[in-house]
Amino acid sequence: MKRNNFLKILAALPLTGAVMKLKELGKMTDSLISTDKMPVLFLGHGSPMNAIEENEFVEGFRNIGKEIPKPNAILCISAHWETRGTFVTAMKNPSTIHDFGGFPQKLFDVNYPAPGSPELAKETKDLIKKTEVGLDDKWGLDHGAWSVLKHLYPDADVPVIEMSLDYHQTPQYHYDLAKELSSLRDKGVLIVGSGNMVHNLGLIEWNKLNTAGYGFDWAIEAGEKMKKYILSGDHKQLINFRSQGKSFDMAIPTPEHYLPLLYALALKEENESVSIFNDKAVAGSLTMTSLKIN
């Protein structure tokens, strides 16, 4: 039940002198924090320019925003916030971080003024037993979050917190940590991993950044193999990505853009399916492949 509806019901109750039983009131207040299970997303965010350009990937993000229920809040695991230890943003008004260079001023002018949620940050901290989670009041929303969320929720009216990636931990550690977030899905929280399954900036062909469908052979090979494991539910092979051969090594030279995928997959339950969208390579060495789990 939405908070506003709950308040309307209370206001409409007849003042007959009868006292509502506490257990009945408890049931109503419990419904404020329980919802139908929210889906989980992994979004291939690609170039920051996707924040201000019109292309098929932006359209894909918008379509997903229309397909899924509007969340009470968003927890985003972005490739662009690496820390030693795990942190969640806990400020009321996170800033829009322009964590890049060499792009047009129009991109730096973008502001995504979504509110934060200190309450969700604290609940997330309390949920996680695997490690001590710090409450951060300095980071904000980096482009891994706002460049895609602005297409899903352009009014910036959904509270957003980010969770950092502990860069010195193993893929298995991140996968196991993600599982501890599962109960948030039942409270209207949309969990979003934002990165790229294939991401090798050192080999990118910048002059083909806007050429959808252009991928090197090794990038296509890695992407197809990843999708095979995703659709078959073979997460073990994806966790052990360093044992998958040369194409994976080239696709994942560093793990920060890949790890958000593991967070999303860890939250998939047995009875849920995976839908793939935006499934194209760009600039040779990136894939925009994105997932919806529900």
Protein backbone atom coordinates (compact mmCIF):
# COMPACT_ATOMS: atom_id res chain seq x y z
CA MET A 1 0.00 0.00 0.00
CA LYS A 2 1.31 3.45 -0.87
CA ARG A 3 1.87 5.83 2.03
CA ASN A 4 -0.59 8.41 0.67
CA ASN A 5 -3.32 5.80 0.32
CA PHE A 6 -2.67 4.61 3.84
CA LEU A 7 -3.06 8.13 5.20
CA LYS A 8 -6.29 8.60 3.24
CA ILE A 9 -7.70 5.42 4.77
CA LEU A 10 -6.82 6.60 8.25
CA ALA A 11 -8.44 9.97 7.61
CA ALA A 12 -11.61 8.30 6.35
CA LEU A 13 -12.09 6.04 9.37
CA PRO A 14 -15.31 6.85 11.26
CA LEU A 15 -14.78 8.36 14.66
CA THR A 16 -17.13 5.99 16.45
CA GLY A 17 -15.08 5.65 19.55
CA ALA A 18 -14.13 2.14 18.61
CA VAL A 19 -10.43 1.52 18.85
CA MET A 20 -8.71 -0.28 16.01
CA LYS A 21 -6.98 -3.37 17.21
CA LEU A 22 -3.24 -2.96 17.26
CA LYS A 23 -2.69 -6.10 15.24
CA GLU A 24 -4.97 -4.76 12.50
CA LEU A 25 -3.08 -1.49 12.43
CA GLY A 26 0.12 -3.50 12.32
CA LYS A 27 -1.07 -5.32 9.22
CA MET A 28 -1.73 -2.00 7.47
CA THR A 29 1.62 -0.49 8.37
CA ASP A 30 3.37 -3.68 7.32
CA SER A 31 1.89 -3.26 3.85
CA LEU A 32 3.65 0.08 3.54
CA ILE A 33 6.97 -1.69 3.25
CA SER A 34 5.95 -4.80 1.32
CA THR A 35 5.29 -4.82 -2.42
CA ASP A 36 5.22 -7.24 -5.30
CA LYS A 37 8.76 -8.38 -6.03
CA MET A 38 10.56 -5.83 -8.17
CA PRO A 39 12.58 -6.94 -11.18
CA VAL A 40 16.35 -6.59 -11.32
CA LEU A 41 18.19 -4.84 -14.14
CA PHE A 42 21.66 -4.94 -15.57
CA LEU A 43 22.13 -1.98 -17.90
CA GLY A 44 24.96 -1.69 -20.39
CA HIS A 45 25.51 2.04 -20.06
CA GLY A 46 28.21 2.57 -22.71
CA SER A 47 29.33 6.10 -23.53
CA PRO A 48 28.22 8.97 -21.27
CA MET A 49 26.88 10.57 -24.45
CA ASN A 50 23.95 8.17 -24.25
CA ALA A 51 22.66 10.55 -21.58
CA ILE A 52 21.93 13.24 -24.17
CA GLU A 53 21.73 11.41 -27.51
CA GLU A 54 18.80 9.74 -29.19
CA ASN A 55 19.56 6.17 -30.28
CA GLU A 56 18.19 2.65 -30.06
CA PHE A 57 19.85 2.03 -26.70
CA VAL A 58 18.24 5.07 -25.10
CA GLU A 59 14.92 3.87 -26.51
CA GLY A 60 15.58 0.48 -24.93
CA PHE A 61 16.10 2.09 -21.51
CA ARG A 62 12.90 4.10 -21.89
CA ASN A 63 10.91 1.04 -22.86
CA ILE A 64 12.10 -0.84 -19.79
CA GLY A 65 11.08 2.09 -17.61
CA LYS A 66 7.57 1.78 -19.03
CA GLU A 67 7.40 -2.00 -18.69
CA ILE A 68 8.26 -2.39 -15.03
CA PRO A 69 6.40 -1.09 -11.96
CA LYS A 70 7.57 2.29 -10.75
CA PRO A 71 9.83 1.60 -7.77
CA ASN A 72 9.75 3.17 -4.33
CA ALA A 73 13.52 3.60 -4.57
CA ILE A 74 16.55 2.47 -6.59
CA LEU A 75 19.77 0.84 -5.44
CA CYS A 76 22.40 1.15 -8.17
CA ILE A 77 25.70 -0.72 -8.30
CA SER A 78 27.77 1.31 -10.75
CA ALA A 79 31.06 0.42 -12.40
CA HIS A 80 32.27 3.93 -11.65
CA TRP A 81 32.43 3.83 -7.86
CA GLU A 82 35.30 1.64 -6.71
CA THR A 83 36.38 1.75 -3.09
CA ARG A 84 38.33 -0.24 -0.54
CA GLY A 85 35.48 -1.60 1.51
CA THR A 86 31.78 -1.30 0.72
CA PHE A 87 29.82 1.93 1.01
CA VAL A 88 26.34 3.22 0.24
CA THR A 89 25.44 6.84 -0.40
CA ALA A 90 23.39 8.14 2.51
CA MET A 91 22.74 11.82 1.77
CA LYS A 92 19.31 13.33 1.16
CA ASN A 93 20.33 15.13 -2.04
CA PRO A 94 23.12 13.38 -3.97
CA SER A 95 25.00 15.51 -6.46
CA THR A 96 25.28 14.70 -10.17
CA ILE A 97 28.90 13.67 -10.71
CA HIS A 98 30.45 14.31 -14.13
CA ASP A 99 33.22 11.75 -13.78
CA PHE A 100 34.64 11.97 -17.31
CA GLY A 101 36.46 14.34 -19.63
CA GLY A 102 36.65 15.35 -23.28
CA PHE A 103 32.92 15.50 -23.93
CA PRO A 104 30.71 18.44 -25.02
CA GLN A 105 29.68 21.05 -22.46
CA LYS A 106 26.07 19.98 -22.97
CA LEU A 107 26.87 16.72 -21.22
CA PHE A 108 28.49 18.49 -18.26
CA ASP A 109 25.38 20.65 -17.96
CA VAL A 110 23.18 17.63 -17.26
CA ASN A 111 21.78 17.55 -13.75
CA TYR A 112 19.83 14.59 -12.42
CA PRO A 113 18.34 15.84 -9.14
CA ALA A 114 16.89 12.58 -7.83
CA PRO A 115 16.64 12.55 -4.05
CA GLY A 116 18.67 10.16 -1.97
CA SER A 117 17.35 7.93 0.80
CA PRO A 118 19.27 7.85 4.08
CA GLU A 119 16.63 5.38 5.30
CA LEU A 120 17.31 2.91 2.48
CA ALA A 121 21.04 3.37 2.96
CA LYS A 122 20.75 2.41 6.62
CA GLU A 123 18.48 -0.54 5.85
CA THR A 124 20.97 -1.76 3.23
CA LYS A 125 23.81 -1.41 5.72
CA ASP A 126 21.88 -3.40 8.31
CA LEU A 127 20.96 -6.13 5.82
CA ILE A 128 24.51 -6.96 4.85
CA LYS A 129 26.29 -9.31 7.24
CA LYS A 130 29.19 -10.27 4.99
CA THR A 131 31.05 -7.04 5.65
CA GLU A 132 30.73 -3.72 7.43
CA VAL A 133 29.05 -1.22 5.12
CA GLY A 134 29.93 2.45 5.45
CA LEU A 135 27.45 5.29 5.04
CA ASP A 136 28.89 7.81 2.57
CA ASP A 137 27.95 11.50 2.39
CA LYS A 138 30.38 12.64 -0.31
CA TRP A 139 30.01 10.60 -3.50
CA GLY A 140 26.63 11.31 -5.15
CA LEU A 141 25.44 9.81 -8.46
CA ASP A 142 28.11 9.05 -11.06
CA HIS A 143 27.36 8.70 -14.75
CA GLY A 144 27.02 4.94 -14.46
CA ALA A 145 23.83 5.70 -12.55
CA TRP A 146 22.36 8.96 -13.88
CA SER A 147 23.15 8.51 -17.59
CA VAL A 148 20.75 5.54 -17.72
CA LEU A 149 18.31 6.34 -14.90
CA LYS A 150 17.44 9.67 -16.52
CA HIS A 151 15.88 7.69 -19.38
CA LEU A 152 13.98 5.30 -17.12
CA TYR A 153 12.74 8.05 -14.79
CA PRO A 154 13.22 11.42 -16.50
CA ASP A 155 11.37 13.31 -13.76
CA ALA A 156 14.06 12.26 -11.24
CA ASP A 157 11.25 11.51 -8.80
CA VAL A 158 12.51 8.15 -7.52
CA PRO A 159 15.04 8.17 -4.64
CA VAL A 160 18.41 6.69 -5.62
CA ILE A 161 21.31 5.35 -3.59
CA GLU A 162 24.52 3.85 -4.92
CA MET A 163 26.55 0.96 -3.57
CA SER A 164 30.28 0.90 -4.24
CA LEU A 165 32.40 -1.94 -5.58
CA ASP A 166 35.13 -3.13 -3.22
CA TYR A 167 37.95 -3.38 -5.75
CA HIS A 168 40.13 -5.78 -3.74
CA GLN A 169 37.48 -8.50 -3.38
CA THR A 170 36.91 -11.55 -5.59
CA PRO A 171 34.03 -12.02 -8.06
CA GLN A 172 32.60 -14.74 -5.79
CA TYR A 173 32.63 -12.28 -2.89
CA HIS A 174 30.60 -9.75 -4.90
CA TYR A 175 28.14 -12.42 -6.04
CA ASP A 176 27.59 -13.61 -2.46
CA LEU A 177 27.27 -10.05 -1.15
CA ALA A 178 24.59 -9.29 -3.73
CA LYS A 179 22.42 -12.14 -2.47
CA GLU A 180 22.07 -10.34 0.86
CA LEU A 181 20.17 -7.56 -0.93
CA SER A 182 17.37 -9.86 -2.04
CA SER A 183 14.73 -8.78 0.51
CA LEU A 184 14.85 -5.20 -0.78
CA ARG A 185 13.09 -6.38 -3.92
CA ASP A 186 10.00 -7.09 -1.83
CA LYS A 187 9.96 -3.50 -0.58
CA GLY A 188 9.66 -1.77 -3.92
CA VAL A 189 13.41 -1.31 -4.44
CA LEU A 190 14.67 -1.62 -8.00
CA ILE A 191 18.23 -2.98 -7.94
CA VAL A 192 20.25 -1.92 -10.98
CA GLY A 193 23.71 -3.06 -11.98
CA SER A 194 25.26 -0.59 -14.43
CA GLY A 195 28.37 -1.46 -16.43
CA ASN A 196 29.16 -3.30 -19.66
CA MET A 197 29.59 -7.02 -20.18
CA VAL A 198 32.31 -6.39 -22.76
CA HIS A 199 34.33 -3.27 -22.00
CA ASN A 200 37.85 -2.69 -23.31
CA LEU A 201 38.48 1.04 -23.72
CA GLY A 202 42.09 0.41 -24.73
CA LEU A 203 40.95 -1.19 -27.99
CA ILE A 204 37.91 0.96 -28.74
CA GLU A 205 37.46 2.51 -32.20
CA TRP A 206 36.25 5.96 -31.21
CA ASN A 207 35.24 6.89 -34.74
CA LYS A 208 32.69 4.06 -34.62
CA LEU A 209 31.23 4.85 -31.22
CA ASN A 210 27.85 5.46 -32.83
CA THR A 211 27.97 2.39 -35.07
CA ALA A 212 25.62 -0.10 -33.47
CA GLY A 213 26.41 -3.70 -34.31
CA TYR A 214 30.14 -3.18 -34.88
CA GLY A 215 32.16 -5.57 -32.74
CA PHE A 216 35.53 -7.29 -33.01
CA ASP A 217 35.43 -11.06 -33.34
CA TRP A 218 36.69 -11.63 -29.80
CA ALA A 219 34.08 -9.20 -28.41
CA ILE A 220 31.26 -10.99 -30.22
CA GLU A 221 32.61 -14.37 -29.10
CA ALA A 222 32.80 -13.29 -25.46
CA GLY A 223 29.37 -11.68 -25.55
CA GLU A 224 27.73 -14.78 -27.04
CA LYS A 225 29.38 -17.04 -24.50
CA MET A 226 28.27 -14.79 -21.65
CA LYS A 227 24.68 -14.84 -22.89
CA LYS A 228 24.76 -18.63 -23.17
CA TYR A 229 25.80 -18.91 -19.52
CA ILE A 230 23.26 -16.29 -18.44
CA LEU A 231 20.33 -17.97 -20.17
CA SER A 232 21.32 -21.44 -18.95
CA GLY A 233 21.75 -20.18 -15.39
CA ASP A 234 25.39 -21.25 -15.26
CA HIS A 235 26.56 -18.47 -12.98
CA LYS A 236 29.61 -20.42 -11.86
CA GLN A 237 31.25 -19.97 -15.26
CA LEU A 238 30.50 -16.24 -15.18
CA ILE A 239 31.92 -15.89 -11.68
CA ASN A 240 35.05 -17.72 -12.84
CA PHE A 241 35.43 -15.44 -15.85
CA ARG A 242 39.21 -15.55 -15.69
CA SER A 243 39.13 -19.22 -16.69
CA GLN A 244 37.07 -18.67 -19.85
CA GLY A 245 39.87 -18.02 -22.31
CA LYS A 246 41.32 -15.22 -24.40
CA SER A 247 38.08 -13.63 -25.57
CA PHE A 248 36.97 -13.11 -21.95
CA ASP A 249 40.40 -11.76 -21.01
CA MET A 250 40.15 -9.18 -23.77
CA ALA A 251 36.52 -8.39 -22.97
CA ILE A 252 37.24 -7.88 -19.26
CA PRO A 253 40.74 -6.38 -18.93
CA THR A 254 39.62 -4.92 -15.58
CA PRO A 255 36.53 -6.18 -13.72
CA GLU A 256 34.70 -3.02 -12.63
CA HIS A 257 32.29 -2.90 -15.60
CA TYR A 258 31.64 -6.64 -15.42
CA LEU A 259 30.99 -7.00 -11.68
CA PRO A 260 27.60 -5.20 -11.72
CA LEU A 261 26.40 -8.06 -13.95
CA LEU A 262 27.21 -10.53 -11.17
CA TYR A 263 25.20 -8.45 -8.69
CA ALA A 264 22.15 -8.67 -10.94
CA LEU A 265 22.53 -12.39 -11.64
CA ALA A 266 23.00 -13.23 -7.96
CA LEU A 267 19.52 -11.84 -7.29
CA LYS A 268 17.80 -14.08 -9.83
CA GLU A 269 15.51 -16.62 -8.20
CA GLU A 270 14.86 -20.10 -9.61
CA ASN A 271 11.40 -19.32 -10.91
CA GLU A 272 12.50 -16.13 -12.67
CA SER A 273 13.48 -15.61 -16.28
CA VAL A 274 15.97 -13.33 -17.99
CA SER A 275 15.09 -11.02 -20.88
CA ILE A 276 17.90 -9.58 -22.99
CA PHE A 277 17.67 -6.18 -24.69
CA ASN A 278 19.99 -3.58 -26.27
CA ASP A 279 22.03 -6.58 -27.39
CA LYS A 280 24.55 -5.01 -29.75
CA ALA A 281 28.24 -4.23 -29.84
CA VAL A 282 29.56 -0.72 -30.50
CA ALA A 283 32.98 0.68 -31.35
CA GLY A 284 34.47 -2.79 -31.66
CA SER A 285 35.18 -3.49 -28.01
CA LEU A 286 31.99 -2.62 -26.10
CA THR A 287 28.63 -4.34 -25.82
CA MET A 288 25.45 -2.62 -24.71
CA THR A 289 23.78 -5.92 -23.78
CA SER A 290 21.31 -5.40 -20.94
CA LEU A 291 19.13 -7.71 -18.84
CA LYS A 292 15.79 -7.68 -17.09
CA ILE A 293 15.23 -10.37 -14.47
CA ASN A 294 11.72 -11.09 -13.21
